[in-house]
Amino acid sequence: MEYKDYYKILGIDKTATGEEIKKSYRKLARKYHPDVNPNDKTAESKFKEVQEAYDILKDEKKRKEYDELGTNYFNYKNAGAGAGASNGQYYYDYSGGGNSGFGYNYGNAGGGNFNFEDIFSDLFNRSGKKHGPVKGGDLNASLEISVPESVKGAERIINLNGEKIKIKIPAGIADGGKIKLSGKGSSGLNGAPNGDLYITISVLNDNVFERKDNDIYVNKKIKLTEAVLGAKVEVSSIDGKFMLTIPAGTQNGAKFRISKKGAKDISGKKIGDLIITVTVDIPSGISDKIKKIFMELSKEGI
């Protein structure tokens, strides 16, 4: 097994005192902690190394064994000797369950949770005394949804550090709205509850629907003949397609407002409208016959 220089990993001399070891460990642990470096695999690997080094050097018996065996230390462990020694294998994973958030458990493969207080006690209590329960911090995330999802509501599955969580998106939620997931924030200290996770919603407009407040906007192309002569055309809405009457002589850019066909607000009390903007499709590459008809129309001043 490859030799690891635990002193070098912690950035200390071999003569370092227990207090110096602890001080260096706290500094590096804060620097590489996954809560500070989300989704950073390099920082995660560094954090594991720092934790592994500290686990050995903080223990006088393990440190003495490590110093005496030198490069043979890891071969010695690999062979199963030294029952009290750490096996050097570390892990971290998302701590699932109803009350867990972006919390992590750290420890050696033989068991034992990583002590957050050991890293952060100096941040919470400069006096050195044990601090009481401290609620975990709140976290923020964002989620993109479609216009129909914002109107009708939906369910989404998100991956929160390996844990799949179902989110219920309420009908009527607008762009910038927030969803609170209680207990899904950072872990609390000393038995305190976890923080909360707040998800900010972004409503994405597409080539069919656009939402402004509670109004839904739709663009509809119609033929020149439909604009001139009038027609019934099919239009998309959140609830499905319906037939819209186009009056004769409709101009390009004309808007039609259908009352209460938009989105309800999240309370369900206020309902927006469906607004349809008509674009007249001017034909290109027309035949000589059609050109003659338009020339006659132009003579009539049309």
C-alpha atoms as a PDB file:
ATOM      1  CA  MET A   1       0.000   0.000   0.000  1.00  0.00           C
ATOM      2  CA  GLU A   2       1.324   3.455  -0.927  1.00  0.00           C
ATOM      3  CA  TYR A   3       2.968   5.397   1.912  1.00  0.00           C
ATOM      4  CA  LYS A   4       1.193   8.589   2.956  1.00  0.00           C
ATOM      5  CA  ASP A   5       3.087  11.343   4.744  1.00  0.00           C
ATOM      6  CA  TYR A   6       0.483  12.475   7.261  1.00  0.00           C
ATOM      7  CA  TYR A   7       2.706  15.274   8.533  1.00  0.00           C
ATOM      8  CA  LYS A   8       3.061  16.670   5.027  1.00  0.00           C
ATOM      9  CA  ILE A   9      -0.702  16.362   4.417  1.00  0.00           C
ATOM     10  CA  LEU A  10      -1.368  18.487   7.506  1.00  0.00           C
ATOM     11  CA  GLY A  11       1.527  20.840   6.723  1.00  0.00           C
ATOM     12  CA  ILE A  12       3.303  20.324  10.047  1.00  0.00           C
ATOM     13  CA  ASP A  13       6.677  19.109  11.362  1.00  0.00           C
ATOM     14  CA  LYS A  14       7.169  15.671  12.913  1.00  0.00           C
ATOM     15  CA  THR A  15       7.804  17.432  16.227  1.00  0.00           C
ATOM     16  CA  ALA A  16       4.415  19.192  16.161  1.00  0.00           C
ATOM     17  CA  THR A  17       2.489  19.269  19.419  1.00  0.00           C
ATOM     18  CA  GLY A  18      -1.062  18.000  19.763  1.00  0.00           C
ATOM     19  CA  GLU A  19      -2.358  21.575  19.750  1.00  0.00           C
ATOM     20  CA  GLU A  20      -0.430  22.385  16.552  1.00  0.00           C
ATOM     21  CA  ILE A  21      -1.831  19.253  14.898  1.00  0.00           C
ATOM     22  CA  LYS A  22      -5.361  20.218  15.859  1.00  0.00           C
ATOM     23  CA  LYS A  23      -4.918  23.829  14.717  1.00  0.00           C
ATOM     24  CA  SER A  24      -3.629  22.794  11.292  1.00  0.00           C
ATOM     25  CA  TYR A  25      -6.357  20.178  10.940  1.00  0.00           C
ATOM     26  CA  ARG A  26      -9.132  22.705  11.677  1.00  0.00           C
ATOM     27  CA  LYS A  27      -7.749  25.162   9.149  1.00  0.00           C
ATOM     28  CA  LEU A  28      -7.524  22.567   6.358  1.00  0.00           C
ATOM     29  CA  ALA A  29     -10.833  20.918   7.210  1.00  0.00           C
ATOM     30  CA  ARG A  30     -12.643  24.254   6.916  1.00  0.00           C
ATOM     31  CA  LYS A  31     -10.854  24.936   3.630  1.00  0.00           C
ATOM     32  CA  TYR A  32     -11.773  21.612   1.975  1.00  0.00           C
ATOM     33  CA  HIS A  33     -15.117  20.910   3.652  1.00  0.00           C
ATOM     34  CA  PRO A  34     -17.758  19.746   1.096  1.00  0.00           C
ATOM     35  CA  ASP A  35     -20.281  22.325   2.356  1.00  0.00           C
ATOM     36  CA  VAL A  36     -17.765  24.992   1.331  1.00  0.00           C
ATOM     37  CA  ASN A  37     -16.817  23.229  -1.923  1.00  0.00           C
ATOM     38  CA  PRO A  38     -20.005  21.607  -3.273  1.00  0.00           C
ATOM     39  CA  ASN A  39     -19.471  19.100  -6.119  1.00  0.00           C
ATOM     40  CA  ASP A  40     -15.694  19.613  -5.990  1.00  0.00           C
ATOM     41  CA  LYS A  41     -14.137  16.135  -6.164  1.00  0.00           C
ATOM     42  CA  THR A  42     -10.610  17.464  -5.611  1.00  0.00           C
ATOM     43  CA  ALA A  43     -11.628  19.226  -2.393  1.00  0.00           C
ATOM     44  CA  GLU A  44     -13.522  16.117  -1.310  1.00  0.00           C
ATOM     45  CA  SER A  45     -10.405  13.981  -1.788  1.00  0.00           C
ATOM     46  CA  LYS A  46      -8.276  16.520   0.136  1.00  0.00           C
ATOM     47  CA  PHE A  47     -10.796  16.567   2.959  1.00  0.00           C
ATOM     48  CA  LYS A  48     -10.644  12.772   3.275  1.00  0.00           C
ATOM     49  CA  GLU A  49      -6.831  12.860   3.375  1.00  0.00           C
ATOM     50  CA  VAL A  50      -6.827  15.569   6.041  1.00  0.00           C
ATOM     51  CA  GLN A  51      -9.332  13.652   8.153  1.00  0.00           C
ATOM     52  CA  GLU A  52      -7.348  10.425   7.756  1.00  0.00           C
ATOM     53  CA  ALA A  53      -4.094  12.127   8.757  1.00  0.00           C
ATOM     54  CA  TYR A  54      -5.669  13.779  11.778  1.00  0.00           C
ATOM     55  CA  ASP A  55      -7.266  10.531  12.931  1.00  0.00           C
ATOM     56  CA  ILE A  56      -3.801   8.967  13.195  1.00  0.00           C
ATOM     57  CA  LEU A  57      -1.724  11.879  14.476  1.00  0.00           C
ATOM     58  CA  LYS A  58      -4.155  13.066  17.161  1.00  0.00           C
ATOM     59  CA  ASP A  59      -3.990   9.637  18.824  1.00  0.00           C
ATOM     60  CA  GLU A  60      -0.694   9.157  20.698  1.00  0.00           C
ATOM     61  CA  LYS A  61      -0.718   5.366  20.300  1.00  0.00           C
ATOM     62  CA  LYS A  62      -1.459   5.467  16.566  1.00  0.00           C
ATOM     63  CA  ARG A  63       1.030   8.275  16.016  1.00  0.00           C
ATOM     64  CA  LYS A  64       3.799   6.368  17.789  1.00  0.00           C
ATOM     65  CA  GLU A  65       3.060   3.279  15.732  1.00  0.00           C
ATOM     66  CA  TYR A  66       3.063   5.348  12.524  1.00  0.00           C
ATOM     67  CA  ASP A  67       6.413   7.018  13.425  1.00  0.00           C
ATOM     68  CA  GLU A  68       8.104   3.731  14.358  1.00  0.00           C
ATOM     69  CA  LEU A  69       7.001   1.737  11.312  1.00  0.00           C
ATOM     70  CA  GLY A  70       7.548   4.481   8.742  1.00  0.00           C
ATOM     71  CA  THR A  71       7.056   3.184   5.193  1.00  0.00           C
ATOM     72  CA  ASN A  72       6.131  -0.248   6.561  1.00  0.00           C
ATOM     73  CA  TYR A  73       3.168   1.190   8.456  1.00  0.00           C
ATOM     74  CA  PHE A  74       0.630   0.670   5.673  1.00  0.00           C
ATOM     75  CA  ASN A  75       1.883  -2.836   4.836  1.00  0.00           C
ATOM     76  CA  TYR A  76       1.595  -3.619   8.524  1.00  0.00           C
ATOM     77  CA  LYS A  77      -1.988  -2.430   8.618  1.00  0.00           C
ATOM     78  CA  ASN A  78      -2.814  -4.175   5.383  1.00  0.00           C
ATOM     79  CA  ALA A  79      -1.691  -7.465   6.882  1.00  0.00           C
ATOM     80  CA  GLY A  80      -4.194  -7.056   9.706  1.00  0.00           C
ATOM     81  CA  ALA A  81      -1.761  -6.163  12.504  1.00  0.00           C
ATOM     82  CA  GLY A  82      -2.270  -3.407  15.005  1.00  0.00           C
ATOM     83  CA  ALA A  83      -5.863  -4.003  16.030  1.00  0.00           C
ATOM     84  CA  GLY A  84      -6.244  -0.503  17.375  1.00  0.00           C
ATOM     85  CA  ALA A  85      -4.994   1.238  14.242  1.00  0.00           C
ATOM     86  CA  SER A  86      -7.227   2.950  11.718  1.00  0.00           C
ATOM     87  CA  ASN A  87      -7.591   1.128   8.418  1.00  0.00           C
ATOM     88  CA  GLY A  88      -7.207   4.370   6.497  1.00  0.00           C
ATOM     89  CA  GLN A  89     -10.451   4.027   4.494  1.00  0.00           C
ATOM     90  CA  TYR A  90     -12.754   7.026   4.721  1.00  0.00           C
ATOM     91  CA  TYR A  91     -16.103   7.885   3.226  1.00  0.00           C
ATOM     92  CA  TYR A  92     -18.725  10.608   3.104  1.00  0.00           C
ATOM     93  CA  ASP A  93     -22.266  10.365   1.947  1.00  0.00           C
ATOM     94  CA  TYR A  94     -25.542  12.257   2.076  1.00  0.00           C
ATOM     95  CA  SER A  95     -27.305  11.457   5.298  1.00  0.00           C
ATOM     96  CA  GLY A  96     -30.821  10.588   4.132  1.00  0.00           C
ATOM     97  CA  GLY A  97     -34.045  10.530   6.139  1.00  0.00           C
ATOM     98  CA  GLY A  98     -36.880  12.848   6.942  1.00  0.00           C
ATOM     99  CA  ASN A  99     -34.887  15.382   8.938  1.00  0.00           C
ATOM    100  CA  SER A 100     -31.598  15.376   7.053  1.00  0.00           C
ATOM    101  CA  GLY A 101     -30.309  18.055   4.729  1.00  0.00           C
ATOM    102  CA  PHE A 102     -26.999  18.836   3.105  1.00  0.00           C
ATOM    103  CA  GLY A 103     -25.523  17.054   6.104  1.00  0.00           C
ATOM    104  CA  TYR A 104     -22.637  14.660   5.858  1.00  0.00           C
ATOM    105  CA  ASN A 105     -21.290  11.918   8.084  1.00  0.00           C
ATOM    106  CA  TYR A 106     -17.554  11.484   8.050  1.00  0.00           C
ATOM    107  CA  GLY A 107     -15.599   8.753   9.697  1.00  0.00           C
ATOM    108  CA  ASN A 108     -13.403   5.737   9.242  1.00  0.00           C
ATOM    109  CA  ALA A 109     -14.703   2.505   7.797  1.00  0.00           C
ATOM    110  CA  GLY A 110     -14.730   0.998  11.278  1.00  0.00           C
ATOM    111  CA  GLY A 111     -17.517   3.378  12.294  1.00  0.00           C
ATOM    112  CA  GLY A 112     -17.762   6.632  14.214  1.00  0.00           C
ATOM    113  CA  ASN A 113     -19.201   9.917  13.012  1.00  0.00           C
ATOM    114  CA  PHE A 114     -17.114  12.884  12.031  1.00  0.00           C
ATOM    115  CA  ASN A 115     -17.340  15.576  14.690  1.00  0.00           C
ATOM    116  CA  PHE A 116     -18.448  18.867  13.112  1.00  0.00           C
ATOM    117  CA  GLU A 117     -17.924  20.649  16.418  1.00  0.00           C
ATOM    118  CA  ASP A 118     -14.249  19.741  16.268  1.00  0.00           C
ATOM    119  CA  ILE A 119     -13.854  21.818  13.092  1.00  0.00           C
ATOM    120  CA  PHE A 120     -16.232  24.650  13.747  1.00  0.00           C
ATOM    121  CA  SER A 121     -16.200  25.104  17.522  1.00  0.00           C
ATOM    122  CA  ASP A 122     -13.836  28.046  17.237  1.00  0.00           C
ATOM    123  CA  LEU A 123     -16.220  29.720  14.816  1.00  0.00           C
ATOM    124  CA  PHE A 124     -19.211  29.407  17.149  1.00  0.00           C
ATOM    125  CA  ASN A 125     -17.490  29.947  20.486  1.00  0.00           C
ATOM    126  CA  ARG A 126     -14.183  31.750  20.720  1.00  0.00           C
ATOM    127  CA  SER A 127     -14.054  31.192  24.478  1.00  0.00           C
ATOM    128  CA  GLY A 128     -13.328  27.498  24.045  1.00  0.00           C
ATOM    129  CA  LYS A 129     -16.381  26.430  26.047  1.00  0.00           C
ATOM    130  CA  LYS A 130     -18.809  23.919  24.618  1.00  0.00           C
ATOM    131  CA  HIS A 131     -21.531  25.672  22.682  1.00  0.00           C
ATOM    132  CA  GLY A 132     -25.206  24.780  23.031  1.00  0.00           C
ATOM    133  CA  PRO A 133     -27.431  23.504  20.211  1.00  0.00           C
ATOM    134  CA  VAL A 134     -27.111  25.487  16.978  1.00  0.00           C
ATOM    135  CA  LYS A 135     -29.692  25.093  14.221  1.00  0.00           C
ATOM    136  CA  GLY A 136     -28.277  24.212  10.825  1.00  0.00           C
ATOM    137  CA  GLY A 137     -28.025  26.928   8.187  1.00  0.00           C
ATOM    138  CA  ASP A 138     -30.586  27.364   5.439  1.00  0.00           C
ATOM    139  CA  LEU A 139     -29.584  26.479   1.874  1.00  0.00           C
ATOM    140  CA  ASN A 140     -30.780  27.831  -1.467  1.00  0.00           C
ATOM    141  CA  ALA A 141     -31.232  26.142  -4.833  1.00  0.00           C
ATOM    142  CA  SER A 142     -33.044  26.881  -8.111  1.00  0.00           C
ATOM    143  CA  LEU A 143     -35.350  24.857 -10.343  1.00  0.00           C
ATOM    144  CA  GLU A 144     -36.537  25.559 -13.896  1.00  0.00           C
ATOM    145  CA  ILE A 145     -40.098  24.635 -14.888  1.00  0.00           C
ATOM    146  CA  SER A 146     -42.273  25.129 -17.989  1.00  0.00           C
ATOM    147  CA  VAL A 147     -45.213  27.524 -18.250  1.00  0.00           C
ATOM    148  CA  PRO A 148     -47.778  24.654 -18.169  1.00  0.00           C
ATOM    149  CA  GLU A 149     -46.090  23.256 -15.038  1.00  0.00           C
ATOM    150  CA  SER A 150     -46.314  26.668 -13.375  1.00  0.00           C
ATOM    151  CA  VAL A 151     -50.035  26.859 -14.157  1.00  0.00           C
ATOM    152  CA  LYS A 152     -51.132  23.312 -13.376  1.00  0.00           C
ATOM    153  CA  GLY A 153     -48.503  22.282 -10.853  1.00  0.00           C
ATOM    154  CA  ALA A 154     -46.246  19.261 -11.142  1.00  0.00           C
ATOM    155  CA  GLU A 155     -43.987  16.852  -9.310  1.00  0.00           C
ATOM    156  CA  ARG A 156     -40.239  16.746  -9.813  1.00  0.00           C
ATOM    157  CA  ILE A 157     -37.563  14.412  -8.494  1.00  0.00           C
ATOM    158  CA  ILE A 158     -34.309  16.121  -7.575  1.00  0.00           C
ATOM    159  CA  ASN A 159     -31.019  14.515  -6.572  1.00  0.00           C
ATOM    160  CA  LEU A 160     -29.779  16.031  -3.333  1.00  0.00           C
ATOM    161  CA  ASN A 161     -26.256  14.673  -2.797  1.00  0.00           C
ATOM    162  CA  GLY A 162     -27.312  11.159  -3.722  1.00  0.00           C
ATOM    163  CA  GLU A 163     -30.753  11.253  -2.127  1.00  0.00           C
ATOM    164  CA  LYS A 164     -33.742  11.426  -4.455  1.00  0.00           C
ATOM    165  CA  ILE A 165     -36.355  13.842  -3.153  1.00  0.00           C
ATOM    166  CA  LYS A 166     -39.819  14.401  -4.600  1.00  0.00           C
ATOM    167  CA  ILE A 167     -40.846  18.056  -4.853  1.00  0.00           C
ATOM    168  CA  LYS A 168     -44.454  19.091  -5.293  1.00  0.00           C
ATOM    169  CA  ILE A 169     -44.696  22.243  -7.402  1.00  0.00           C
ATOM    170  CA  PRO A 170     -47.922  24.041  -6.454  1.00  0.00           C
ATOM    171  CA  ALA A 171     -50.334  25.139  -9.195  1.00  0.00           C
ATOM    172  CA  GLY A 172     -50.067  28.853  -9.920  1.00  0.00           C
ATOM    173  CA  ILE A 173     -46.512  29.395  -8.702  1.00  0.00           C
ATOM    174  CA  ALA A 174     -44.948  32.314 -10.537  1.00  0.00           C
ATOM    175  CA  ASP A 175     -41.431  33.084 -11.684  1.00  0.00           C
ATOM    176  CA  GLY A 176     -39.320  33.840  -8.612  1.00  0.00           C
ATOM    177  CA  GLY A 177     -41.620  31.928  -6.266  1.00  0.00           C
ATOM    178  CA  LYS A 178     -40.034  29.822  -3.536  1.00  0.00           C
ATOM    179  CA  ILE A 179     -40.666  26.315  -2.219  1.00  0.00           C
ATOM    180  CA  LYS A 180     -39.511  25.481   1.305  1.00  0.00           C
ATOM    181  CA  LEU A 181     -38.293  21.991   2.196  1.00  0.00           C
ATOM    182  CA  SER A 182     -38.117  21.845   5.979  1.00  0.00           C
ATOM    183  CA  GLY A 183     -35.111  20.065   7.458  1.00  0.00           C
ATOM    184  CA  LYS A 184     -33.274  19.747   4.142  1.00  0.00           C
ATOM    185  CA  GLY A 185     -30.658  22.417   4.872  1.00  0.00           C
ATOM    186  CA  SER A 186     -27.329  22.087   6.665  1.00  0.00           C
ATOM    187  CA  SER A 187     -27.100  19.805   9.693  1.00  0.00           C
ATOM    188  CA  GLY A 188     -27.632  21.252  13.162  1.00  0.00           C
ATOM    189  CA  LEU A 189     -25.032  21.009  15.925  1.00  0.00           C
ATOM    190  CA  ASN A 190     -25.376  19.324  19.303  1.00  0.00           C
ATOM    191  CA  GLY A 191     -28.832  17.910  18.663  1.00  0.00           C
ATOM    192  CA  ALA A 192     -30.297  21.050  17.091  1.00  0.00           C
ATOM    193  CA  PRO A 193     -32.584  20.698  14.043  1.00  0.00           C
ATOM    194  CA  ASN A 194     -31.339  20.971  10.490  1.00  0.00           C
ATOM    195  CA  GLY A 195     -31.834  24.128   8.483  1.00  0.00           C
ATOM    196  CA  ASP A 196     -34.263  24.407   5.589  1.00  0.00           C
ATOM    197  CA  LEU A 197     -33.801  24.274   1.815  1.00  0.00           C
ATOM    198  CA  TYR A 198     -35.399  27.065  -0.227  1.00  0.00           C
ATOM    199  CA  ILE A 199     -35.908  26.379  -3.937  1.00  0.00           C
ATOM    200  CA  THR A 200     -36.414  29.419  -6.185  1.00  0.00           C
ATOM    201  CA  ILE A 201     -38.567  28.688  -9.226  1.00  0.00           C
ATOM    202  CA  SER A 202     -37.707  29.955 -12.721  1.00  0.00           C
ATOM    203  CA  VAL A 203     -40.575  29.753 -15.231  1.00  0.00           C
ATOM    204  CA  LEU A 204     -39.155  29.231 -18.727  1.00  0.00           C
ATOM    205  CA  ASN A 205     -41.067  30.639 -21.695  1.00  0.00           C
ATOM    206  CA  ASP A 206     -40.939  28.604 -24.903  1.00  0.00           C
ATOM    207  CA  ASN A 207     -42.003  28.903 -28.550  1.00  0.00           C
ATOM    208  CA  VAL A 208     -45.661  28.277 -27.617  1.00  0.00           C
ATOM    209  CA  PHE A 209     -46.364  29.868 -24.229  1.00  0.00           C
ATOM    210  CA  GLU A 210     -45.121  32.943 -22.406  1.00  0.00           C
ATOM    211  CA  ARG A 211     -46.237  33.902 -18.907  1.00  0.00           C
ATOM    212  CA  LYS A 212     -46.338  37.457 -17.531  1.00  0.00           C
ATOM    213  CA  ASP A 213     -47.757  37.615 -14.022  1.00  0.00           C
ATOM    214  CA  ASN A 214     -50.961  35.562 -14.407  1.00  0.00           C
ATOM    215  CA  ASP A 215     -51.507  36.251 -18.111  1.00  0.00           C
ATOM    216  CA  ILE A 216     -50.517  33.648 -20.705  1.00  0.00           C
ATOM    217  CA  TYR A 217     -49.380  34.844 -24.136  1.00  0.00           C
ATOM    218  CA  VAL A 218     -49.612  32.812 -27.357  1.00  0.00           C
ATOM    219  CA  ASN A 219     -48.546  33.748 -30.902  1.00  0.00           C
ATOM    220  CA  LYS A 220     -50.701  32.528 -33.792  1.00  0.00           C
ATOM    221  CA  LYS A 221     -49.847  32.699 -37.497  1.00  0.00           C
ATOM    222  CA  ILE A 222     -52.783  33.047 -39.878  1.00  0.00           C
ATOM    223  CA  LYS A 223     -53.016  33.107 -43.676  1.00  0.00           C
ATOM    224  CA  LEU A 224     -53.473  36.348 -45.566  1.00  0.00           C
ATOM    225  CA  THR A 225     -56.856  35.132 -46.841  1.00  0.00           C
ATOM    226  CA  GLU A 226     -57.922  34.325 -43.258  1.00  0.00           C
ATOM    227  CA  ALA A 227     -56.997  37.843 -42.180  1.00  0.00           C
ATOM    228  CA  VAL A 228     -58.847  39.427 -45.096  1.00  0.00           C
ATOM    229  CA  LEU A 229     -61.932  37.216 -45.238  1.00  0.00           C
ATOM    230  CA  GLY A 230     -62.130  36.055 -41.626  1.00  0.00           C
ATOM    231  CA  ALA A 231     -61.910  32.435 -40.419  1.00  0.00           C
ATOM    232  CA  LYS A 232     -61.908  30.048 -37.483  1.00  0.00           C
ATOM    233  CA  VAL A 233     -58.402  28.929 -36.514  1.00  0.00           C
ATOM    234  CA  GLU A 234     -57.066  26.460 -33.953  1.00  0.00           C
ATOM    235  CA  VAL A 235     -55.170  27.990 -31.032  1.00  0.00           C
ATOM    236  CA  SER A 236     -53.229  26.315 -28.201  1.00  0.00           C
ATOM    237  CA  SER A 237     -54.009  27.037 -24.562  1.00  0.00           C
ATOM    238  CA  ILE A 238     -52.850  25.501 -21.284  1.00  0.00           C
ATOM    239  CA  ASP A 239     -56.066  23.475 -21.161  1.00  0.00           C
ATOM    240  CA  GLY A 240     -55.777  22.266 -24.769  1.00  0.00           C
ATOM    241  CA  LYS A 241     -56.650  23.513 -28.238  1.00  0.00           C
ATOM    242  CA  PHE A 242     -59.750  25.535 -29.106  1.00  0.00           C
ATOM    243  CA  MET A 243     -61.192  27.390 -32.110  1.00  0.00           C
ATOM    244  CA  LEU A 244     -60.754  31.157 -32.280  1.00  0.00           C
ATOM    245  CA  THR A 245     -62.865  33.329 -34.572  1.00  0.00           C
ATOM    246  CA  ILE A 246     -60.799  35.713 -36.692  1.00  0.00           C
ATOM    247  CA  PRO A 247     -62.939  38.614 -37.958  1.00  0.00           C
ATOM    248  CA  ALA A 248     -62.641  39.742 -41.573  1.00  0.00           C
ATOM    249  CA  GLY A 249     -60.062  42.493 -41.992  1.00  0.00           C
ATOM    250  CA  THR A 250     -57.908  41.442 -39.017  1.00  0.00           C
ATOM    251  CA  GLN A 251     -54.623  43.337 -39.005  1.00  0.00           C
ATOM    252  CA  ASN A 252     -51.137  41.946 -38.475  1.00  0.00           C
ATOM    253  CA  GLY A 253     -50.251  42.132 -34.772  1.00  0.00           C
ATOM    254  CA  ALA A 254     -53.858  42.204 -33.616  1.00  0.00           C
ATOM    255  CA  LYS A 255     -54.433  40.850 -30.103  1.00  0.00           C
ATOM    256  CA  PHE A 256     -57.329  38.785 -28.812  1.00  0.00           C
ATOM    257  CA  ARG A 257     -57.937  38.522 -25.076  1.00  0.00           C
ATOM    258  CA  ILE A 258     -59.790  35.512 -23.685  1.00  0.00           C
ATOM    259  CA  SER A 259     -60.881  36.317 -20.146  1.00  0.00           C
ATOM    260  CA  LYS A 260     -59.864  33.966 -17.327  1.00  0.00           C
ATOM    261  CA  LYS A 261     -58.050  31.523 -19.626  1.00  0.00           C
ATOM    262  CA  GLY A 262     -54.657  32.331 -18.085  1.00  0.00           C
ATOM    263  CA  ALA A 263     -53.045  31.184 -14.834  1.00  0.00           C
ATOM    264  CA  LYS A 264     -54.539  31.241 -11.357  1.00  0.00           C
ATOM    265  CA  ASP A 265     -52.265  32.707  -8.752  1.00  0.00           C
ATOM    266  CA  ILE A 266     -50.947  30.389  -6.054  1.00  0.00           C
ATOM    267  CA  SER A 267     -53.851  31.281  -3.761  1.00  0.00           C
ATOM    268  CA  GLY A 268     -56.325  30.278  -6.477  1.00  0.00           C
ATOM    269  CA  LYS A 269     -58.201  33.590  -6.172  1.00  0.00           C
ATOM    270  CA  LYS A 270     -56.848  35.689  -9.055  1.00  0.00           C
ATOM    271  CA  ILE A 271     -57.049  34.377 -12.627  1.00  0.00           C
ATOM    272  CA  GLY A 272     -55.213  35.888 -15.582  1.00  0.00           C
ATOM    273  CA  ASP A 273     -56.214  36.017 -19.253  1.00  0.00           C
ATOM    274  CA  LEU A 274     -55.058  34.271 -22.414  1.00  0.00           C
ATOM    275  CA  ILE A 275     -53.729  36.823 -24.897  1.00  0.00           C
ATOM    276  CA  ILE A 276     -53.318  35.742 -28.522  1.00  0.00           C
ATOM    277  CA  THR A 277     -51.208  37.841 -30.889  1.00  0.00           C
ATOM    278  CA  VAL A 278     -51.945  37.294 -34.560  1.00  0.00           C
ATOM    279  CA  THR A 279     -49.202  37.341 -37.177  1.00  0.00           C
ATOM    280  CA  VAL A 280     -50.336  37.454 -40.798  1.00  0.00           C
ATOM    281  CA  ASP A 281     -48.219  35.136 -42.927  1.00  0.00           C
ATOM    282  CA  ILE A 282     -47.389  36.933 -46.175  1.00  0.00           C
ATOM    283  CA  PRO A 283     -46.906  34.331 -48.943  1.00  0.00           C
ATOM    284  CA  SER A 284     -43.708  34.219 -50.979  1.00  0.00           C
ATOM    285  CA  GLY A 285     -43.059  32.637 -54.376  1.00  0.00           C
ATOM    286  CA  ILE A 286     -46.646  33.216 -55.541  1.00  0.00           C
ATOM    287  CA  SER A 287     -47.805  32.175 -59.007  1.00  0.00           C
ATOM    288  CA  ASP A 288     -48.394  34.532 -61.941  1.00  0.00           C
ATOM    289  CA  LYS A 289     -52.136  34.008 -61.518  1.00  0.00           C
ATOM    290  CA  ILE A 290     -52.029  35.228 -57.916  1.00  0.00           C
ATOM    291  CA  LYS A 291     -49.812  38.144 -58.911  1.00  0.00           C
ATOM    292  CA  LYS A 292     -52.422  39.267 -61.463  1.00  0.00           C
ATOM    293  CA  ILE A 293     -55.113  39.135 -58.781  1.00  0.00           C
ATOM    294  CA  PHE A 294     -53.017  41.296 -56.454  1.00  0.00           C
ATOM    295  CA  MET A 295     -52.301  43.732 -59.287  1.00  0.00           C
ATOM    296  CA  GLU A 296     -56.036  44.111 -59.841  1.00  0.00           C
ATOM    297  CA  LEU A 297     -56.518  44.610 -56.113  1.00  0.00           C
ATOM    298  CA  SER A 298     -53.842  47.287 -56.080  1.00  0.00           C
ATOM    299  CA  LYS A 299     -55.716  49.165 -58.790  1.00  0.00           C
ATOM    300  CA  GLU A 300     -58.701  49.186 -56.460  1.00  0.00           C
ATOM    301  CA  GLY A 301     -56.527  50.763 -53.793  1.00  0.00           C
ATOM    302  CA  ILE A 302     -56.404  47.653 -51.647  1.00  0.00           C
END
